[in-house]
């Protein structure tokens, strides 16, 4: 079964208030992300899994992509688990990620 999230549902799942601005931003991100509809249904569960390792998915303020990020005060164990989880998810859904230099942040560019 294939579920497709509406922009409003995705915003709510990621903890955003639904406003004209956030709707505009998420719609731009969806259009900019290759094959977004193929993996979008898995974003909420991945966000929940990231939370265990002090990570989360958010809309980027500087790029038209979703980003995967962890808290700055993360422990070495959590950081290792966070990195492993991100790699596993990217491999499983054949996603191209762009790592931000010197940060534990990745942009979700889309599916290969």
N, C-alpha and C. Protein backbone atom coordinates (compact mmCIF):
# COMPACT_ATOMS: atom_id res chain seq x y z
N UNK A 1 0.84 -1.18 0.00
CA UNK A 1 0.00 0.00 0.00
C UNK A 1 0.89 1.24 0.00
N UNK A 2 0.57 2.21 -0.84
CA UNK A 2 1.36 3.43 -0.96
C UNK A 2 0.55 4.60 -0.41
N UNK A 3 1.12 5.25 0.58
CA UNK A 3 0.48 6.43 1.14
C UNK A 3 1.21 7.67 0.68
N UNK A 4 0.46 8.69 0.33
CA UNK A 4 1.08 9.95 -0.04
C UNK A 4 0.62 11.01 0.96
N UNK A 5 1.58 11.65 1.58
CA UNK A 5 1.25 12.68 2.54
C UNK A 5 0.97 14.00 1.84
N UNK A 6 -0.04 14.68 2.32
CA UNK A 6 -0.29 16.03 1.82
C UNK A 6 0.75 16.94 2.45
N UNK A 7 1.00 18.09 1.85
CA UNK A 7 1.93 19.04 2.48
C UNK A 7 1.51 19.40 3.91
N UNK A 8 0.22 19.57 4.13
CA UNK A 8 -0.28 19.91 5.47
C UNK A 8 0.01 18.80 6.47
N UNK A 9 -0.22 17.55 6.05
CA UNK A 9 0.03 16.41 6.94
C UNK A 9 1.52 16.29 7.27
N UNK A 10 2.35 16.50 6.27
CA UNK A 10 3.79 16.42 6.49
C UNK A 10 4.26 17.51 7.46
N UNK A 11 3.75 18.72 7.27
CA UNK A 11 4.11 19.81 8.20
C UNK A 11 3.72 19.44 9.63
N UNK A 12 2.52 18.93 9.79
CA UNK A 12 2.04 18.56 11.12
C UNK A 12 2.90 17.45 11.72
N UNK A 13 3.26 16.45 10.90
CA UNK A 13 4.08 15.34 11.38
C UNK A 13 5.47 15.81 11.83
N UNK A 14 5.97 16.85 11.19
CA UNK A 14 7.29 17.37 11.54
C UNK A 14 7.23 18.45 12.62
N UNK A 15 6.03 18.74 13.10
CA UNK A 15 5.89 19.67 14.21
C UNK A 15 5.78 21.14 13.83
N UNK A 16 5.48 21.42 12.58
CA UNK A 16 5.33 22.81 12.14
C UNK A 16 3.89 23.27 12.23
N UNK A 17 3.70 24.54 12.49
CA UNK A 17 2.39 25.16 12.42
C UNK A 17 2.09 25.39 10.94
N UNK A 18 0.87 25.12 10.53
CA UNK A 18 0.49 25.29 9.13
C UNK A 18 0.10 26.75 8.90
N UNK A 19 0.94 27.43 8.13
CA UNK A 19 0.70 28.82 7.75
C UNK A 19 0.91 28.93 6.25
N UNK A 20 0.56 30.06 5.68
CA UNK A 20 0.81 30.26 4.25
C UNK A 20 2.30 30.12 3.94
N UNK A 21 3.16 30.65 4.82
CA UNK A 21 4.61 30.59 4.60
C UNK A 21 5.14 29.16 4.67
N UNK A 22 4.73 28.39 5.69
CA UNK A 22 5.25 27.02 5.80
C UNK A 22 4.71 26.15 4.67
N UNK A 23 3.46 26.39 4.25
CA UNK A 23 2.91 25.64 3.11
C UNK A 23 3.68 25.96 1.83
N UNK A 24 3.99 27.22 1.64
CA UNK A 24 4.76 27.62 0.46
C UNK A 24 6.14 26.96 0.49
N UNK A 25 6.78 26.98 1.66
CA UNK A 25 8.12 26.40 1.79
C UNK A 25 8.11 24.89 1.56
N UNK A 26 7.15 24.17 2.16
CA UNK A 26 7.13 22.71 1.98
C UNK A 26 6.78 22.34 0.54
N UNK A 27 5.91 23.09 -0.10
CA UNK A 27 5.60 22.82 -1.50
C UNK A 27 6.81 23.04 -2.40
N UNK A 28 7.61 24.05 -2.12
CA UNK A 28 8.84 24.29 -2.88
C UNK A 28 9.82 23.14 -2.66
N UNK A 29 9.94 22.69 -1.41
CA UNK A 29 10.82 21.56 -1.09
C UNK A 29 10.36 20.30 -1.83
N UNK A 30 9.07 20.02 -1.82
CA UNK A 30 8.54 18.83 -2.50
C UNK A 30 8.87 18.88 -3.98
N UNK A 31 8.66 20.03 -4.61
CA UNK A 31 8.93 20.17 -6.05
C UNK A 31 10.42 20.06 -6.36
N UNK A 32 11.26 20.49 -5.43
CA UNK A 32 12.70 20.51 -5.64
C UNK A 32 13.37 19.16 -5.35
N UNK A 33 12.69 18.27 -4.64
CA UNK A 33 13.28 16.99 -4.22
C UNK A 33 12.89 15.89 -5.19
N UNK A 34 13.90 15.27 -5.83
CA UNK A 34 13.64 14.22 -6.82
C UNK A 34 12.86 13.06 -6.23
N UNK A 35 11.79 12.68 -6.92
CA UNK A 35 10.95 11.52 -6.57
C UNK A 35 10.48 11.55 -5.11
N UNK A 36 10.15 12.72 -4.64
CA UNK A 36 9.72 12.91 -3.26
C UNK A 36 8.56 11.99 -2.89
N UNK A 37 7.61 11.83 -3.80
CA UNK A 37 6.43 11.01 -3.53
C UNK A 37 6.76 9.54 -3.29
N UNK A 38 7.92 9.08 -3.77
CA UNK A 38 8.29 7.67 -3.63
C UNK A 38 8.66 7.33 -2.18
N UNK A 39 9.28 8.26 -1.47
CA UNK A 39 9.74 7.97 -0.11
C UNK A 39 9.08 8.83 0.97
N UNK A 40 8.22 9.75 0.59
CA UNK A 40 7.66 10.71 1.55
C UNK A 40 6.87 10.06 2.68
N UNK A 41 6.22 8.96 2.41
CA UNK A 41 5.42 8.30 3.46
C UNK A 41 6.28 7.78 4.61
N UNK A 42 7.58 7.64 4.38
CA UNK A 42 8.48 7.11 5.40
C UNK A 42 9.15 8.19 6.24
N UNK A 43 8.95 9.44 5.88
CA UNK A 43 9.59 10.54 6.60
C UNK A 43 9.15 10.61 8.07
N UNK A 44 7.85 10.53 8.38
CA UNK A 44 7.47 10.61 9.80
C UNK A 44 8.08 9.51 10.67
N UNK A 45 8.11 8.27 10.18
CA UNK A 45 8.69 7.19 10.99
C UNK A 45 10.20 7.36 11.13
N UNK A 46 10.85 7.86 10.09
CA UNK A 46 12.29 8.12 10.17
C UNK A 46 12.55 9.25 11.18
N UNK A 47 11.71 10.28 11.16
CA UNK A 47 11.86 11.37 12.12
C UNK A 47 11.72 10.85 13.55
N UNK A 48 10.78 9.94 13.77
CA UNK A 48 10.61 9.33 15.10
C UNK A 48 11.85 8.54 15.50
N UNK A 49 12.42 7.78 14.56
CA UNK A 49 13.62 7.00 14.85
C UNK A 49 14.80 7.91 15.16
N UNK A 50 14.90 9.02 14.44
CA UNK A 50 15.98 9.98 14.69
C UNK A 50 15.88 10.59 16.08
N UNK A 51 14.67 10.82 16.55
CA UNK A 51 14.47 11.46 17.85
C UNK A 51 15.13 10.66 18.98
N UNK A 52 15.16 9.35 18.85
CA UNK A 52 15.80 8.50 19.85
C UNK A 52 17.29 8.84 19.94
N UNK A 53 17.89 9.21 18.83
CA UNK A 53 19.32 9.54 18.78
C UNK A 53 19.56 11.05 18.79
N UNK A 54 18.56 11.82 19.25
CA UNK A 54 18.63 13.28 19.36
C UNK A 54 18.76 13.96 18.00
N UNK A 55 18.10 13.37 16.99
CA UNK A 55 18.09 13.95 15.66
C UNK A 55 16.67 14.27 15.23
N UNK A 56 16.54 14.93 14.09
CA UNK A 56 15.22 15.32 13.60
C UNK A 56 15.31 15.72 12.12
N UNK A 57 14.15 15.80 11.50
CA UNK A 57 14.03 16.28 10.13
C UNK A 57 13.36 17.63 10.19
N UNK A 58 13.88 18.58 9.43
CA UNK A 58 13.34 19.94 9.43
C UNK A 58 13.43 20.54 8.04
N UNK A 59 12.72 21.62 7.84
CA UNK A 59 12.85 22.36 6.59
C UNK A 59 14.07 23.27 6.73
N UNK A 60 14.87 23.32 5.69
CA UNK A 60 16.04 24.18 5.70
C UNK A 60 15.62 25.63 5.43
N UNK A 61 16.29 26.54 6.10
CA UNK A 61 16.05 27.96 5.84
C UNK A 61 16.95 28.51 4.74
N UNK A 62 17.98 27.74 4.37
CA UNK A 62 18.93 28.23 3.38
C UNK A 62 18.89 27.47 2.06
N UNK A 63 18.31 26.27 2.07
CA UNK A 63 18.22 25.43 0.86
C UNK A 63 16.77 24.97 0.70
N UNK A 64 16.36 24.69 -0.52
CA UNK A 64 14.99 24.21 -0.77
C UNK A 64 14.92 22.69 -0.63
N UNK A 65 15.34 22.20 0.54
CA UNK A 65 15.32 20.78 0.85
C UNK A 65 14.95 20.57 2.32
N UNK A 66 14.53 19.34 2.61
CA UNK A 66 14.44 18.94 4.01
C UNK A 66 15.86 18.63 4.47
N UNK A 67 16.10 18.82 5.75
CA UNK A 67 17.42 18.47 6.27
C UNK A 67 17.27 17.50 7.44
N UNK A 68 18.26 16.67 7.59
CA UNK A 68 18.37 15.74 8.70
C UNK A 68 19.46 16.31 9.59
N UNK A 69 19.15 16.50 10.85
CA UNK A 69 20.07 17.20 11.74
C UNK A 69 20.03 16.56 13.11
N UNK A 70 21.12 16.70 13.85
CA UNK A 70 21.12 16.26 15.25
C UNK A 70 21.45 17.44 16.14
N UNK A 71 21.09 17.32 17.39
CA UNK A 71 21.38 18.37 18.36
C UNK A 71 22.89 18.54 18.48
N UNK A 72 23.32 19.75 18.73
CA UNK A 72 24.75 20.04 18.84
C UNK A 72 25.39 19.38 20.06
N UNK A 73 24.61 19.16 21.12
CA UNK A 73 25.16 18.59 22.35
C UNK A 73 25.04 17.07 22.40
N UNK A 74 25.09 16.43 21.26
CA UNK A 74 24.91 14.99 21.16
C UNK A 74 26.17 14.26 21.67
N UNK A 75 25.97 13.14 22.33
CA UNK A 75 27.10 12.33 22.81
C UNK A 75 27.72 11.57 21.64
N UNK A 76 28.92 11.07 21.87
CA UNK A 76 29.61 10.30 20.82
C UNK A 76 28.82 9.06 20.44
N UNK A 77 28.22 8.39 21.44
CA UNK A 77 27.42 7.19 21.15
C UNK A 77 26.20 7.55 20.32
N UNK A 78 25.50 8.63 20.70
CA UNK A 78 24.34 9.05 19.94
C UNK A 78 24.73 9.48 18.52
N UNK A 79 25.87 10.16 18.40
CA UNK A 79 26.33 10.62 17.09
C UNK A 79 26.62 9.43 16.18
N UNK A 80 27.26 8.41 16.71
CA UNK A 80 27.54 7.21 15.93
C UNK A 80 26.24 6.53 15.50
N UNK A 81 25.30 6.40 16.42
CA UNK A 81 24.01 5.78 16.10
C UNK A 81 23.23 6.64 15.11
N UNK A 82 23.28 7.95 15.28
CA UNK A 82 22.61 8.89 14.36
C UNK A 82 23.16 8.71 12.95
N UNK A 83 24.48 8.71 12.81
CA UNK A 83 25.12 8.58 11.51
C UNK A 83 24.79 7.25 10.85
N UNK A 84 24.80 6.19 11.63
CA UNK A 84 24.44 4.86 11.12
C UNK A 84 22.99 4.83 10.65
N UNK A 85 22.11 5.42 11.42
CA UNK A 85 20.69 5.46 11.07
C UNK A 85 20.46 6.25 9.78
N UNK A 86 21.12 7.39 9.65
CA UNK A 86 20.98 8.20 8.43
C UNK A 86 21.47 7.41 7.22
N UNK A 87 22.63 6.77 7.34
CA UNK A 87 23.18 5.99 6.22
C UNK A 87 22.26 4.84 5.85
N UNK A 88 21.75 4.14 6.86
CA UNK A 88 20.84 3.02 6.60
C UNK A 88 19.59 3.49 5.85
N UNK A 89 18.99 4.57 6.31
CA UNK A 89 17.77 5.08 5.69
C UNK A 89 18.05 5.53 4.26
N UNK A 90 19.16 6.21 4.05
CA UNK A 90 19.52 6.66 2.70
C UNK A 90 19.74 5.47 1.76
N UNK A 91 20.42 4.45 2.25
CA UNK A 91 20.65 3.25 1.44
C UNK A 91 19.34 2.52 1.14
N UNK A 92 18.51 2.38 2.15
CA UNK A 92 17.25 1.64 2.00
C UNK A 92 16.34 2.28 0.96
N UNK A 93 16.27 3.60 0.95
CA UNK A 93 15.37 4.29 0.03
C UNK A 93 16.11 4.91 -1.16
N UNK A 94 17.39 4.54 -1.32
CA UNK A 94 18.21 4.98 -2.45
C UNK A 94 18.21 6.51 -2.59
N UNK A 95 18.47 7.16 -1.46
CA UNK A 95 18.44 8.62 -1.43
C UNK A 95 19.82 9.22 -1.59
N UNK A 96 19.84 10.35 -2.25
CA UNK A 96 21.06 11.14 -2.33
C UNK A 96 20.99 12.19 -1.23
N UNK A 97 21.99 12.20 -0.39
CA UNK A 97 22.09 13.18 0.69
C UNK A 97 23.31 14.05 0.43
N UNK A 98 23.24 15.27 0.89
CA UNK A 98 24.39 16.18 0.81
C UNK A 98 24.76 16.57 2.23
N UNK A 99 25.95 16.18 2.67
CA UNK A 99 26.40 16.50 4.02
C UNK A 99 26.92 17.94 4.06
N UNK A 100 26.54 18.65 5.11
CA UNK A 100 27.03 20.00 5.32
C UNK A 100 28.41 19.90 5.97
N UNK A 101 29.38 20.62 5.43
CA UNK A 101 30.73 20.58 5.95
C UNK A 101 30.77 20.95 7.43
N UNK A 102 31.51 20.16 8.20
CA UNK A 102 31.75 20.41 9.62
C UNK A 102 30.50 20.42 10.49
N UNK A 103 29.41 19.82 10.01
CA UNK A 103 28.18 19.73 10.80
C UNK A 103 27.58 18.35 10.62
N UNK A 104 26.77 17.96 11.57
CA UNK A 104 26.04 16.69 11.48
C UNK A 104 24.67 16.96 10.87
N UNK A 105 24.70 17.50 9.68
CA UNK A 105 23.49 17.89 8.96
C UNK A 105 23.58 17.38 7.53
N UNK A 106 22.45 16.86 7.04
CA UNK A 106 22.38 16.33 5.68
C UNK A 106 21.13 16.88 5.00
N UNK A 107 21.27 17.31 3.76
CA UNK A 107 20.11 17.70 2.96
C UNK A 107 19.62 16.48 2.19
N UNK A 108 18.31 16.31 2.12
CA UNK A 108 17.72 15.21 1.35
C UNK A 108 17.48 15.74 -0.07
N UNK A 109 18.33 15.36 -1.02
CA UNK A 109 18.24 15.85 -2.39
C UNK A 109 17.21 15.09 -3.21
N UNK A 110 16.96 13.85 -2.82
CA UNK A 110 15.97 13.06 -3.52
C UNK A 110 16.44 11.66 -3.77
N UNK A 111 15.61 10.92 -4.47
CA UNK A 111 15.91 9.52 -4.75
C UNK A 111 16.73 9.43 -6.03
N UNK A 112 17.72 8.53 -6.02
CA UNK A 112 18.56 8.31 -7.22
C UNK A 112 17.79 7.58 -8.28
